């Protein structure tokens, strides 16, 4: 076996945790960051991480290594976040109370700055929330996580061209929705 190939195999083998504790120690912060960025303000990252690692605990022994461990963990995290977001939307619409979001107490001293920050954040997340899941995921990974299109392709098991097309469409949809909501807020 040639040296570069051997080094690649050792790197991949080293990336797969040997136990649940090791997986949690090495990847909980990564999963929390993904949860926070993919879920926005609609999910609690701690709840998502807890649920993700319940799944990891159940399935770690059956992890075959067909994909990298991070790709496998990302897929679990993405699905858990999508489920949390789906449940949260149902709770939100069934409760009939949208005022709860606007009445969250603040620790900031300047109420006007806090109001503007909250409004901008609400418009941003509402724009992001309306994107189809595949576009939302690619946009978050590229623009917020700072991953390259190749890294996104590897992580999501997509072709590079597919990621680029989805990213282009996601940006167009997001900007269109963001601009509409911004204009709506000013009128």
Protein backbone atom coordinates (compact mmCIF):
# COMPACT_ATOMS: atom_id res chain seq x y z
CA UNK A 1 0.00 0.00 0.00
CA UNK A 2 1.40 3.43 -0.91
CA UNK A 3 2.11 5.95 1.82
CA UNK A 4 -0.50 8.59 0.84
CA UNK A 5 -3.25 5.98 0.66
CA UNK A 6 -2.19 4.53 4.02
CA UNK A 7 -2.20 8.02 5.57
CA UNK A 8 -5.70 8.63 4.18
CA UNK A 9 -7.00 5.36 5.63
CA UNK A 10 -5.45 6.15 9.02
CA UNK A 11 -6.96 9.64 9.01
CA UNK A 12 -10.44 8.24 8.27
CA UNK A 13 -10.03 5.51 10.88
CA UNK A 14 -8.92 8.08 13.45
CA UNK A 15 -12.00 10.21 12.70
CA UNK A 16 -14.40 7.43 13.74
CA UNK A 17 -14.90 7.46 17.50
CA UNK A 18 -14.48 4.17 19.31
CA UNK A 19 -17.15 4.77 21.95
CA UNK A 20 -20.21 6.87 22.61
CA UNK A 21 -18.32 8.92 25.20
CA UNK A 22 -15.59 9.69 22.68
CA UNK A 23 -18.17 10.62 20.04
CA UNK A 24 -19.94 12.95 22.46
CA UNK A 25 -16.71 14.53 23.70
CA UNK A 26 -15.36 15.11 20.19
CA UNK A 27 -18.53 16.07 18.32
CA UNK A 28 -21.14 17.53 20.73
CA UNK A 29 -20.01 21.11 20.12
CA UNK A 30 -20.03 20.55 16.36
CA UNK A 31 -23.57 19.14 16.51
CA UNK A 32 -24.66 22.07 18.71
CA UNK A 33 -23.26 24.55 16.21
CA UNK A 34 -25.04 22.80 13.33
CA UNK A 35 -28.27 22.69 15.33
CA UNK A 36 -28.04 26.36 16.19
CA UNK A 37 -27.35 27.39 12.64
CA UNK A 38 -29.79 25.04 10.91
CA UNK A 39 -32.56 25.58 13.46
CA UNK A 40 -32.15 29.29 13.96
CA UNK A 41 -34.17 30.74 16.78
CA UNK A 42 -36.86 28.08 16.48
CA UNK A 43 -34.96 25.28 18.22
CA UNK A 44 -32.99 24.85 21.41
CA UNK A 45 -29.54 23.53 20.40
CA UNK A 46 -29.14 21.70 23.72
CA UNK A 47 -32.36 19.75 23.14
CA UNK A 48 -31.26 18.91 19.60
CA UNK A 49 -27.81 17.73 20.73
CA UNK A 50 -29.39 15.56 23.39
CA UNK A 51 -31.70 13.96 20.85
CA UNK A 52 -28.90 13.61 18.27
CA UNK A 53 -26.72 11.74 20.72
CA UNK A 54 -29.59 9.49 21.77
CA UNK A 55 -29.71 8.44 18.12
CA UNK A 56 -25.91 8.15 17.98
CA UNK A 57 -25.94 5.96 21.11
CA UNK A 58 -28.50 3.62 19.52
CA UNK A 59 -26.80 3.47 16.13
CA UNK A 60 -23.05 3.83 16.76
CA UNK A 61 -22.48 0.08 16.86
CA UNK A 62 -24.12 -0.27 13.43
CA UNK A 63 -22.12 2.60 11.85
CA UNK A 64 -20.55 0.93 8.80
CA UNK A 65 -18.22 3.69 7.75
CA UNK A 66 -19.66 3.99 4.23
CA UNK A 67 -19.47 7.75 4.77
CA UNK A 68 -17.34 9.78 7.12
CA UNK A 69 -18.49 9.97 10.72
CA UNK A 70 -19.10 13.71 10.39
CA UNK A 71 -21.35 13.16 7.35
CA UNK A 72 -23.29 10.53 9.29
CA UNK A 73 -23.57 12.82 12.33
CA UNK A 74 -24.58 15.78 10.17
CA UNK A 75 -27.37 13.77 8.57
CA UNK A 76 -28.68 12.77 12.00
CA UNK A 77 -28.45 16.38 13.21
CA UNK A 78 -30.18 17.71 10.09
CA UNK A 79 -33.08 15.28 10.52
CA UNK A 80 -33.46 16.02 14.23
CA UNK A 81 -33.43 19.78 13.56
CA UNK A 82 -36.02 19.36 10.80
CA UNK A 83 -38.24 17.39 13.19
CA UNK A 84 -37.85 20.02 15.92
CA UNK A 85 -38.65 22.81 13.48
CA UNK A 86 -41.69 20.93 12.22
CA UNK A 87 -43.01 20.36 15.76
CA UNK A 88 -42.28 23.97 16.70
CA UNK A 89 -44.21 25.27 13.69
CA UNK A 90 -47.21 23.17 14.66
CA UNK A 91 -47.06 24.40 18.26
CA UNK A 92 -46.70 27.97 17.06
CA UNK A 93 -49.67 27.84 14.70
CA UNK A 94 -51.87 25.79 17.00
CA UNK A 95 -51.24 28.09 19.95
CA UNK A 96 -52.47 31.07 17.95
CA UNK A 97 -50.10 33.31 19.89
CA UNK A 98 -47.40 35.01 17.89
CA UNK A 99 -47.02 37.70 20.55
CA UNK A 100 -44.88 35.39 22.68
CA UNK A 101 -41.88 35.87 20.36
CA UNK A 102 -42.17 39.66 20.45
CA UNK A 103 -42.54 39.82 24.25
CA UNK A 104 -39.34 38.00 25.18
CA UNK A 105 -37.54 40.01 27.89
CA UNK A 106 -34.19 41.66 27.08
CA UNK A 107 -31.00 42.27 29.05
CA UNK A 108 -29.87 45.09 26.77
CA UNK A 109 -30.00 48.68 28.01
CA UNK A 110 -31.02 50.37 24.75
CA UNK A 111 -34.59 49.31 23.98
CA UNK A 112 -34.59 50.86 20.50
CA UNK A 113 -31.40 49.05 19.46
CA UNK A 114 -32.78 45.82 20.88
CA UNK A 115 -36.05 46.28 19.00
CA UNK A 116 -34.21 46.91 15.73
CA UNK A 117 -31.97 43.88 16.33
CA UNK A 118 -34.99 41.69 17.05
CA UNK A 119 -36.84 42.93 13.99
CA UNK A 120 -33.86 42.32 11.73
CA UNK A 121 -33.35 38.89 13.27
CA UNK A 122 -37.04 38.04 12.89
CA UNK A 123 -37.01 39.06 9.22
CA UNK A 124 -33.81 37.10 8.62
CA UNK A 125 -35.11 33.91 10.25
CA UNK A 126 -38.56 34.26 8.70
CA UNK A 127 -36.90 34.52 5.28
CA UNK A 128 -34.72 31.52 6.06
CA UNK A 129 -37.68 29.58 7.50
CA UNK A 130 -39.65 29.81 4.26
CA UNK A 131 -36.93 28.19 2.16
CA UNK A 132 -37.32 24.54 1.21
CA UNK A 133 -35.18 22.37 3.49
CA UNK A 134 -32.59 21.45 0.85
CA UNK A 135 -31.96 25.10 0.00
CA UNK A 136 -31.97 26.18 3.63
CA UNK A 137 -29.40 23.54 4.56
CA UNK A 138 -27.00 24.43 1.75
CA UNK A 139 -27.34 28.17 2.42
CA UNK A 140 -26.71 27.79 6.15
CA UNK A 141 -23.70 25.53 5.61
CA UNK A 142 -22.13 27.86 3.05
CA UNK A 143 -23.00 31.34 4.31
CA UNK A 144 -23.15 30.81 8.06
CA UNK A 145 -20.94 27.78 8.69
CA UNK A 146 -18.44 28.92 6.05
CA UNK A 147 -18.05 25.50 4.43
CA UNK A 148 -16.84 25.20 0.85
CA UNK A 149 -19.16 23.81 -1.80
CA UNK A 150 -16.98 20.69 -1.95
CA UNK A 151 -17.26 20.20 1.83
CA UNK A 152 -21.05 20.61 1.60
CA UNK A 153 -21.19 18.08 -1.24
CA UNK A 154 -19.21 15.60 0.85
CA UNK A 155 -21.23 16.25 3.99
CA UNK A 156 -24.63 16.00 2.30
CA UNK A 157 -23.71 13.27 -0.21
CA UNK A 158 -24.49 15.49 -3.18
CA UNK A 159 -22.71 16.19 -6.44
CA UNK A 160 -20.69 19.39 -6.46
CA UNK A 161 -22.78 20.80 -9.32
CA UNK A 162 -25.97 20.08 -7.37
CA UNK A 163 -24.66 22.01 -4.36
CA UNK A 164 -23.75 24.98 -6.54
CA UNK A 165 -27.16 25.02 -8.22
CA UNK A 166 -28.97 24.69 -4.88
CA UNK A 167 -26.83 27.45 -3.37
CA UNK A 168 -27.57 29.77 -6.28
CA UNK A 169 -31.31 29.09 -6.02
CA UNK A 170 -31.24 29.38 -2.22
CA UNK A 171 -29.59 32.80 -2.40
CA UNK A 172 -32.12 34.04 -4.96
CA UNK A 173 -35.09 32.77 -2.94
CA UNK A 174 -33.70 34.08 0.33
CA UNK A 175 -32.95 37.55 -1.04
CA UNK A 176 -36.36 37.78 -2.68
CA UNK A 177 -38.14 36.83 0.52
CA UNK A 178 -35.91 39.01 2.69
CA UNK A 179 -36.52 42.05 0.48
CA UNK A 180 -40.28 41.45 0.43
CA UNK A 181 -40.41 41.16 4.21
CA UNK A 182 -38.21 44.22 4.68
CA UNK A 183 -40.46 46.30 2.40
CA UNK A 184 -43.54 44.92 4.14
CA UNK A 185 -42.11 45.98 7.52
CA UNK A 186 -41.44 49.53 6.32
CA UNK A 187 -44.95 50.08 4.95
